[in-house]
Amino acid sequence: MYNYREQMEADVKNYLEENIGFIDYENLDELKEKLQDNLWTEDNVNGNTSGSYTFNRAETNENVIDNLDLLKDACEEFDCKNEFADKFFNGEWEWMDVTIRCYLLSEIIETVVEEMKI
């Protein structure tokens, strides 16, 4: 079963290591806010800019099907339940995958920053 949280944590850690100079931030809240802004459009974390994280429809289909509970929560949070039905019947798995990743982004940033004890 695909674990979105685990994969996203690894992606956020990788982004931090490659792109963030911690000395540039006065406190953790400032860092988290900057990460939220930057990662919202970072394809390597959520695929939001291009519309796909995996660029593999079959893989994305499996990821989403394994995590329908997260998709339901994301659609409720983003008020996109009506749009979801059309996306589902059209097989737009990448849209569903990106929706889940965007939904989890703030939680994952919080978790990673806390774990790193920056």
C-alpha atoms as a PDB file:
ATOM      1  CA  MET A   1       0.000   0.000   0.000  1.00  0.00           C
ATOM      2  CA  TYR A   2       1.301   3.424  -0.980  1.00  0.00           C
ATOM      3  CA  ASN A   3       2.057   5.727   1.943  1.00  0.00           C
ATOM      4  CA  TYR A   4       1.618   9.372   0.935  1.00  0.00           C
ATOM      5  CA  ARG A   5       2.882  10.717   4.237  1.00  0.00           C
ATOM      6  CA  GLU A   6       6.078   8.687   4.146  1.00  0.00           C
ATOM      7  CA  GLN A   7       6.877   9.660   0.553  1.00  0.00           C
ATOM      8  CA  MET A   8       6.062  13.315   1.087  1.00  0.00           C
ATOM      9  CA  GLU A   9       8.184  13.465   4.233  1.00  0.00           C
ATOM     10  CA  ALA A  10      11.139  12.138   2.234  1.00  0.00           C
ATOM     11  CA  ASP A  11      10.467  14.664  -0.546  1.00  0.00           C
ATOM     12  CA  VAL A  12      10.222  17.604   1.864  1.00  0.00           C
ATOM     13  CA  LYS A  13      13.428  16.554   3.651  1.00  0.00           C
ATOM     14  CA  ASN A  14      15.177  16.326   0.309  1.00  0.00           C
ATOM     15  CA  TYR A  15      13.910  19.778  -0.657  1.00  0.00           C
ATOM     16  CA  LEU A  16      15.129  21.208   2.658  1.00  0.00           C
ATOM     17  CA  GLU A  17      18.588  19.715   2.241  1.00  0.00           C
ATOM     18  CA  GLU A  18      18.972  20.977  -1.316  1.00  0.00           C
ATOM     19  CA  ASN A  19      17.282  24.387  -1.164  1.00  0.00           C
ATOM     20  CA  ILE A  20      16.986  25.895   2.292  1.00  0.00           C
ATOM     21  CA  GLY A  21      19.557  27.827   4.281  1.00  0.00           C
ATOM     22  CA  PHE A  22      18.238  27.716   7.823  1.00  0.00           C
ATOM     23  CA  ILE A  23      20.204  30.761   8.868  1.00  0.00           C
ATOM     24  CA  ASP A  24      17.910  32.814   6.610  1.00  0.00           C
ATOM     25  CA  TYR A  25      14.920  32.311   8.930  1.00  0.00           C
ATOM     26  CA  GLU A  26      14.358  33.946  12.284  1.00  0.00           C
ATOM     27  CA  ASN A  27      12.091  31.201  13.635  1.00  0.00           C
ATOM     28  CA  LEU A  28      10.301  27.976  12.783  1.00  0.00           C
ATOM     29  CA  ASP A  29       7.043  29.711  11.891  1.00  0.00           C
ATOM     30  CA  GLU A  30       8.802  31.794   9.259  1.00  0.00           C
ATOM     31  CA  LEU A  31      10.460  28.663   7.853  1.00  0.00           C
ATOM     32  CA  LYS A  32       7.153  26.751   7.765  1.00  0.00           C
ATOM     33  CA  GLU A  33       5.425  29.643   6.004  1.00  0.00           C
ATOM     34  CA  LYS A  34       8.198  29.823   3.400  1.00  0.00           C
ATOM     35  CA  LEU A  35       8.047  26.067   2.870  1.00  0.00           C
ATOM     36  CA  GLN A  36       4.280  26.187   2.440  1.00  0.00           C
ATOM     37  CA  ASP A  37       4.643  28.907  -0.210  1.00  0.00           C
ATOM     38  CA  ASN A  38       7.506  27.196  -2.034  1.00  0.00           C
ATOM     39  CA  LEU A  39       6.294  23.618  -1.863  1.00  0.00           C
ATOM     40  CA  TRP A  40       2.727  24.383  -2.969  1.00  0.00           C
ATOM     41  CA  THR A  41       4.111  24.606  -6.510  1.00  0.00           C
ATOM     42  CA  GLU A  42       6.992  22.142  -6.223  1.00  0.00           C
ATOM     43  CA  ASP A  43       6.358  19.218  -8.581  1.00  0.00           C
ATOM     44  CA  ASN A  44       8.886  17.059  -6.729  1.00  0.00           C
ATOM     45  CA  VAL A  45       6.690  17.270  -3.637  1.00  0.00           C
ATOM     46  CA  ASN A  46       3.108  17.451  -4.873  1.00  0.00           C
ATOM     47  CA  GLY A  47       2.908  17.801  -8.656  1.00  0.00           C
ATOM     48  CA  ASN A  48       0.692  20.858  -8.340  1.00  0.00           C
ATOM     49  CA  THR A  49       2.377  22.926 -11.048  1.00  0.00           C
ATOM     50  CA  SER A  50       2.412  20.341 -13.835  1.00  0.00           C
ATOM     51  CA  GLY A  51      -0.652  18.439 -12.656  1.00  0.00           C
ATOM     52  CA  SER A  52       1.239  15.216 -12.008  1.00  0.00           C
ATOM     53  CA  TYR A  53       3.711  13.961  -9.420  1.00  0.00           C
ATOM     54  CA  THR A  54       4.494  10.554 -10.912  1.00  0.00           C
ATOM     55  CA  PHE A  55       3.873  11.171 -14.625  1.00  0.00           C
ATOM     56  CA  ASN A  56       2.621   7.588 -14.661  1.00  0.00           C
ATOM     57  CA  ARG A  57      -1.151   7.132 -14.800  1.00  0.00           C
ATOM     58  CA  ALA A  58      -1.156   3.458 -13.772  1.00  0.00           C
ATOM     59  CA  GLU A  59       1.080   4.081 -10.760  1.00  0.00           C
ATOM     60  CA  THR A  60      -0.972   7.089  -9.725  1.00  0.00           C
ATOM     61  CA  ASN A  61      -4.181   5.066 -10.061  1.00  0.00           C
ATOM     62  CA  GLU A  62      -2.833   2.478  -7.613  1.00  0.00           C
ATOM     63  CA  ASN A  63      -1.651   5.150  -5.183  1.00  0.00           C
ATOM     64  CA  VAL A  64      -5.051   6.831  -5.130  1.00  0.00           C
ATOM     65  CA  ILE A  65      -7.063   3.611  -4.876  1.00  0.00           C
ATOM     66  CA  ASP A  66      -4.942   2.583  -1.881  1.00  0.00           C
ATOM     67  CA  ASN A  67      -5.804   5.897  -0.191  1.00  0.00           C
ATOM     68  CA  LEU A  68      -9.436   6.686  -0.926  1.00  0.00           C
ATOM     69  CA  ASP A  69      -9.877   7.830   2.672  1.00  0.00           C
ATOM     70  CA  LEU A  70      -7.310  10.589   2.117  1.00  0.00           C
ATOM     71  CA  LEU A  71      -8.957  11.552  -1.159  1.00  0.00           C
ATOM     72  CA  LYS A  72     -12.319  11.845   0.585  1.00  0.00           C
ATOM     73  CA  ASP A  73     -10.790  14.036   3.306  1.00  0.00           C
ATOM     74  CA  ALA A  74      -9.022  16.201   0.716  1.00  0.00           C
ATOM     75  CA  CYS A  75     -12.195  16.692  -1.310  1.00  0.00           C
ATOM     76  CA  GLU A  76     -14.052  17.706   1.831  1.00  0.00           C
ATOM     77  CA  GLU A  77     -11.291  20.132   2.848  1.00  0.00           C
ATOM     78  CA  PHE A  78     -11.073  21.738  -0.608  1.00  0.00           C
ATOM     79  CA  ASP A  79     -14.839  21.582  -1.201  1.00  0.00           C
ATOM     80  CA  CYS A  80     -14.399  19.717  -4.476  1.00  0.00           C
ATOM     81  CA  LYS A  81     -16.730  16.730  -4.001  1.00  0.00           C
ATOM     82  CA  ASN A  82     -18.835  17.691  -7.022  1.00  0.00           C
ATOM     83  CA  GLU A  83     -15.760  18.047  -9.207  1.00  0.00           C
ATOM     84  CA  PHE A  84     -14.437  14.721  -7.914  1.00  0.00           C
ATOM     85  CA  ALA A  85     -17.188  12.662  -9.546  1.00  0.00           C
ATOM     86  CA  ASP A  86     -16.301  13.974 -13.009  1.00  0.00           C
ATOM     87  CA  LYS A  87     -12.584  13.462 -12.384  1.00  0.00           C
ATOM     88  CA  PHE A  88     -13.162   9.913 -11.140  1.00  0.00           C
ATOM     89  CA  PHE A  89     -15.313   8.861 -14.080  1.00  0.00           C
ATOM     90  CA  ASN A  90     -12.831  10.412 -16.503  1.00  0.00           C
ATOM     91  CA  GLY A  91      -9.931   8.563 -14.846  1.00  0.00           C
ATOM     92  CA  GLU A  92      -8.078  11.730 -13.903  1.00  0.00           C
ATOM     93  CA  TRP A  93      -5.921   9.969 -11.345  1.00  0.00           C
ATOM     94  CA  GLU A  94      -3.184  12.591 -11.460  1.00  0.00           C
ATOM     95  CA  TRP A  95      -5.668  15.272 -10.358  1.00  0.00           C
ATOM     96  CA  MET A  96      -6.743  13.086  -7.453  1.00  0.00           C
ATOM     97  CA  ASP A  97      -3.128  12.343  -6.515  1.00  0.00           C
ATOM     98  CA  VAL A  98      -2.152  16.020  -6.540  1.00  0.00           C
ATOM     99  CA  THR A  99      -5.256  16.871  -4.512  1.00  0.00           C
ATOM    100  CA  ILE A 100      -4.189  14.416  -1.803  1.00  0.00           C
ATOM    101  CA  ARG A 101      -0.630  15.774  -1.790  1.00  0.00           C
ATOM    102  CA  CYS A 102      -1.801  19.384  -1.502  1.00  0.00           C
ATOM    103  CA  TYR A 103      -4.151  18.373   1.315  1.00  0.00           C
ATOM    104  CA  LEU A 104      -1.296  16.779   3.274  1.00  0.00           C
ATOM    105  CA  LEU A 105       1.318  19.459   2.616  1.00  0.00           C
ATOM    106  CA  SER A 106       0.900  21.551   5.782  1.00  0.00           C
ATOM    107  CA  GLU A 107       0.826  18.451   7.984  1.00  0.00           C
ATOM    108  CA  ILE A 108       3.964  17.063   6.366  1.00  0.00           C
ATOM    109  CA  ILE A 109       5.855  20.353   6.683  1.00  0.00           C
ATOM    110  CA  GLU A 110       4.957  20.488  10.373  1.00  0.00           C
ATOM    111  CA  THR A 111       6.090  16.885  10.912  1.00  0.00           C
ATOM    112  CA  VAL A 112       9.386  17.273   9.065  1.00  0.00           C
ATOM    113  CA  VAL A 113      10.365  20.522  10.758  1.00  0.00           C
ATOM    114  CA  GLU A 114       9.538  19.049  14.188  1.00  0.00           C
ATOM    115  CA  GLU A 115      11.530  15.870  13.460  1.00  0.00           C
ATOM    116  CA  MET A 116      14.553  17.832  12.300  1.00  0.00           C
ATOM    117  CA  LYS A 117      14.460  19.928  15.491  1.00  0.00           C
ATOM    118  CA  ILE A 118      15.679  22.926  13.553  1.00  0.00           C
END
